[in-house]
């Protein structure tokens, strides 16, 4: 894997966005690769820090209504 692709895949892995096969492949590599495990743990820590410190802003009601109207066609 190229470093860029690996970074993208690791971010997707941490965010739970990978397909099942890719998820299993990374989990298998994690068992053997302490450096990769450290990267994943660092990403998980960063993700948690952002979640715990970021402000949440819900979508305005008008935007919600427009999206729901688009999806009801």
N, C-alpha and C. Protein backbone atom coordinates (compact mmCIF):
# COMPACT_ATOMS: atom_id res chain seq x y z
N UNK A 1 0.84 -1.19 0.00
CA UNK A 1 0.00 0.00 0.00
C UNK A 1 0.87 1.24 0.00
N UNK A 2 0.45 2.24 -0.75
CA UNK A 2 1.19 3.51 -0.71
C UNK A 2 0.87 4.22 0.59
N UNK A 3 1.78 5.08 1.08
CA UNK A 3 1.53 5.79 2.34
C UNK A 3 0.23 6.61 2.33
N UNK A 4 -0.07 7.26 1.18
CA UNK A 4 -1.31 8.05 1.09
C UNK A 4 -2.52 7.16 1.22
N UNK A 5 -2.53 6.09 0.45
CA UNK A 5 -3.66 5.17 0.48
C UNK A 5 -3.80 4.57 1.87
N UNK A 6 -2.69 4.22 2.47
CA UNK A 6 -2.74 3.62 3.80
C UNK A 6 -3.33 4.61 4.81
N UNK A 7 -2.94 5.87 4.72
CA UNK A 7 -3.49 6.88 5.63
C UNK A 7 -4.98 7.02 5.42
N UNK A 8 -5.41 7.05 4.16
CA UNK A 8 -6.84 7.14 3.88
C UNK A 8 -7.57 5.92 4.41
N UNK A 9 -6.99 4.75 4.19
CA UNK A 9 -7.64 3.53 4.67
C UNK A 9 -7.68 3.47 6.18
N UNK A 10 -6.60 3.89 6.83
CA UNK A 10 -6.59 3.87 8.29
C UNK A 10 -7.62 4.83 8.86
N UNK A 11 -7.75 6.01 8.25
CA UNK A 11 -8.78 6.94 8.70
C UNK A 11 -10.17 6.34 8.51
N UNK A 12 -10.39 5.72 7.37
CA UNK A 12 -11.68 5.08 7.12
C UNK A 12 -11.92 3.93 8.10
N UNK A 13 -10.87 3.19 8.41
CA UNK A 13 -10.97 2.09 9.37
C UNK A 13 -11.39 2.61 10.74
N UNK A 14 -10.72 3.65 11.21
CA UNK A 14 -11.02 4.22 12.53
C UNK A 14 -12.45 4.77 12.57
N UNK A 15 -12.90 5.32 11.45
CA UNK A 15 -14.24 5.89 11.38
C UNK A 15 -15.32 4.86 11.07
N UNK A 16 -14.92 3.59 10.87
CA UNK A 16 -15.90 2.54 10.59
C UNK A 16 -16.51 2.64 9.22
N UNK A 17 -15.74 3.12 8.24
CA UNK A 17 -16.26 3.36 6.90
C UNK A 17 -15.79 2.35 5.85
N UNK A 18 -15.03 1.36 6.25
CA UNK A 18 -14.51 0.39 5.27
C UNK A 18 -15.51 -0.73 5.04
N UNK A 19 -15.38 -1.33 3.85
CA UNK A 19 -16.14 -2.54 3.60
C UNK A 19 -15.58 -3.65 4.49
N UNK A 20 -16.33 -4.70 4.65
CA UNK A 20 -15.98 -5.76 5.59
C UNK A 20 -14.63 -6.41 5.27
N UNK A 21 -14.37 -6.68 4.00
CA UNK A 21 -13.11 -7.33 3.63
C UNK A 21 -11.92 -6.44 3.98
N UNK A 22 -12.00 -5.15 3.65
CA UNK A 22 -10.90 -4.23 3.97
C UNK A 22 -10.70 -4.11 5.47
N UNK A 23 -11.80 -4.10 6.20
CA UNK A 23 -11.71 -4.03 7.66
C UNK A 23 -10.98 -5.26 8.21
N UNK A 24 -11.33 -6.43 7.72
CA UNK A 24 -10.67 -7.65 8.17
C UNK A 24 -9.18 -7.65 7.82
N UNK A 25 -8.85 -7.14 6.63
CA UNK A 25 -7.45 -7.09 6.22
C UNK A 25 -6.63 -6.21 7.16
N UNK A 26 -7.17 -5.07 7.50
CA UNK A 26 -6.44 -4.18 8.41
C UNK A 26 -6.36 -4.80 9.80
N UNK A 27 -7.44 -5.41 10.28
CA UNK A 27 -7.41 -6.05 11.60
C UNK A 27 -6.35 -7.15 11.64
N UNK A 28 -6.20 -7.90 10.55
CA UNK A 28 -5.18 -8.94 10.50
C UNK A 28 -3.78 -8.33 10.54
N UNK A 29 -3.59 -7.21 9.85
CA UNK A 29 -2.28 -6.55 9.87
C UNK A 29 -1.99 -5.97 11.26
N UNK A 30 -3.01 -5.51 11.95
CA UNK A 30 -2.81 -4.94 13.28
C UNK A 30 -2.22 -5.95 14.26
N UNK A 31 -2.60 -7.21 14.10
CA UNK A 31 -2.09 -8.26 14.99
C UNK A 31 -0.58 -8.39 14.86
N UNK A 32 -0.06 -8.22 13.66
CA UNK A 32 1.36 -8.43 13.39
C UNK A 32 2.22 -7.17 13.47
N UNK A 33 1.60 -5.98 13.36
CA UNK A 33 2.36 -4.75 13.17
C UNK A 33 2.12 -3.75 14.31
N UNK A 34 3.08 -3.69 15.24
CA UNK A 34 2.95 -2.79 16.40
C UNK A 34 2.92 -1.32 15.97
N UNK A 35 3.68 -0.97 14.94
CA UNK A 35 3.68 0.40 14.45
C UNK A 35 2.32 0.81 13.90
N UNK A 36 1.70 -0.09 13.18
CA UNK A 36 0.37 0.16 12.63
C UNK A 36 -0.65 0.29 13.76
N UNK A 37 -0.52 -0.56 14.78
CA UNK A 37 -1.42 -0.46 15.95
C UNK A 37 -1.28 0.89 16.61
N UNK A 38 -0.05 1.37 16.72
CA UNK A 38 0.19 2.68 17.33
C UNK A 38 -0.45 3.78 16.50
N UNK A 39 -0.37 3.67 15.17
CA UNK A 39 -1.01 4.66 14.30
C UNK A 39 -2.52 4.67 14.51
N UNK A 40 -3.10 3.50 14.56
CA UNK A 40 -4.55 3.39 14.73
C UNK A 40 -4.96 3.95 16.08
N UNK A 41 -4.21 3.64 17.12
CA UNK A 41 -4.54 4.16 18.45
C UNK A 41 -4.41 5.68 18.48
N UNK A 42 -3.40 6.23 17.79
CA UNK A 42 -3.25 7.68 17.72
C UNK A 42 -4.43 8.31 16.99
N UNK A 43 -4.85 7.70 15.90
CA UNK A 43 -6.01 8.21 15.17
C UNK A 43 -7.28 8.12 16.00
N UNK A 44 -7.43 7.03 16.74
CA UNK A 44 -8.60 6.90 17.61
C UNK A 44 -8.59 7.96 18.70
N UNK A 45 -7.40 8.25 19.24
CA UNK A 45 -7.28 9.30 20.25
C UNK A 45 -7.62 10.66 19.67
N UNK A 46 -7.14 10.94 18.46
CA UNK A 46 -7.45 12.20 17.80
C UNK A 46 -8.95 12.32 17.53
N UNK A 47 -9.53 11.23 17.04
CA UNK A 47 -10.98 11.22 16.76
C UNK A 47 -11.76 11.52 18.03
N UNK A 48 -11.38 10.89 19.12
CA UNK A 48 -12.08 11.08 20.39
C UNK A 48 -11.91 12.51 20.90
N UNK A 49 -10.71 13.07 20.74
CA UNK A 49 -10.47 14.45 21.17
C UNK A 49 -11.34 15.42 20.39
N UNK A 50 -11.45 15.20 19.09
CA UNK A 50 -12.29 16.08 18.27
C UNK A 50 -13.75 15.94 18.70
N UNK A 51 -14.21 14.71 18.88
CA UNK A 51 -15.60 14.49 19.27
C UNK A 51 -15.90 15.15 20.61
N UNK A 52 -15.00 15.01 21.56
CA UNK A 52 -15.28 15.51 22.91
C UNK A 52 -15.13 17.03 23.03
N UNK A 53 -14.39 17.66 22.11
CA UNK A 53 -14.18 19.10 22.23
C UNK A 53 -14.88 19.94 21.16
N UNK A 54 -15.42 19.30 20.16
CA UNK A 54 -16.05 20.06 19.07
C UNK A 54 -17.48 20.43 19.44
N UNK A 55 -17.89 21.59 18.98
CA UNK A 55 -19.27 22.01 19.15
C UNK A 55 -20.13 21.27 18.12
N UNK A 56 -21.33 20.94 18.53
CA UNK A 56 -22.26 20.29 17.62
C UNK A 56 -23.29 21.32 17.19
N UNK A 57 -23.50 21.40 15.91
CA UNK A 57 -24.49 22.33 15.37
C UNK A 57 -25.46 21.53 14.51
N UNK A 58 -26.68 21.42 14.97
CA UNK A 58 -27.69 20.71 14.21
C UNK A 58 -28.10 21.50 12.98
N UNK A 59 -28.59 20.79 11.99
CA UNK A 59 -29.03 21.46 10.77
C UNK A 59 -30.27 22.31 11.08
N UNK A 60 -30.36 23.50 10.48
CA UNK A 60 -31.54 24.34 10.66
C UNK A 60 -32.79 23.62 10.16
N UNK A 61 -33.91 23.92 10.74
CA UNK A 61 -35.17 23.26 10.39
C UNK A 61 -35.50 23.42 8.91
N UNK A 62 -35.21 24.59 8.34
CA UNK A 62 -35.52 24.82 6.92
C UNK A 62 -34.69 23.89 6.03
N UNK A 63 -33.44 23.68 6.39
CA UNK A 63 -32.59 22.77 5.62
C UNK A 63 -33.10 21.34 5.72
N UNK A 64 -33.45 20.94 6.93
CA UNK A 64 -34.01 19.60 7.11
C UNK A 64 -35.24 19.39 6.25
N UNK A 65 -36.12 20.38 6.24
CA UNK A 65 -37.36 20.28 5.47
C UNK A 65 -37.06 20.16 3.97
N UNK A 66 -36.10 20.93 3.48
CA UNK A 66 -35.74 20.85 2.05
C UNK A 66 -35.18 19.48 1.71
N UNK A 67 -34.33 18.96 2.56
CA UNK A 67 -33.74 17.63 2.30
C UNK A 67 -34.82 16.55 2.33
N UNK A 68 -35.68 16.61 3.32
CA UNK A 68 -36.75 15.62 3.40
C UNK A 68 -37.68 15.72 2.19
N UNK A 69 -37.93 16.93 1.72
CA UNK A 69 -38.78 17.10 0.54
C UNK A 69 -38.11 16.51 -0.70
N UNK A 70 -36.79 16.65 -0.81
CA UNK A 70 -36.06 16.08 -1.96
C UNK A 70 -36.09 14.56 -1.93
N UNK A 71 -36.05 13.99 -0.74
CA UNK A 71 -36.01 12.54 -0.60
C UNK A 71 -37.38 11.90 -0.71
N UNK A 72 -38.43 12.68 -0.72
CA UNK A 72 -39.78 12.09 -0.74
C UNK A 72 -40.31 11.91 -2.17
N UNK A 73 -39.50 12.24 -3.17
CA UNK A 73 -39.95 12.08 -4.56
C UNK A 73 -40.06 10.68 -4.92
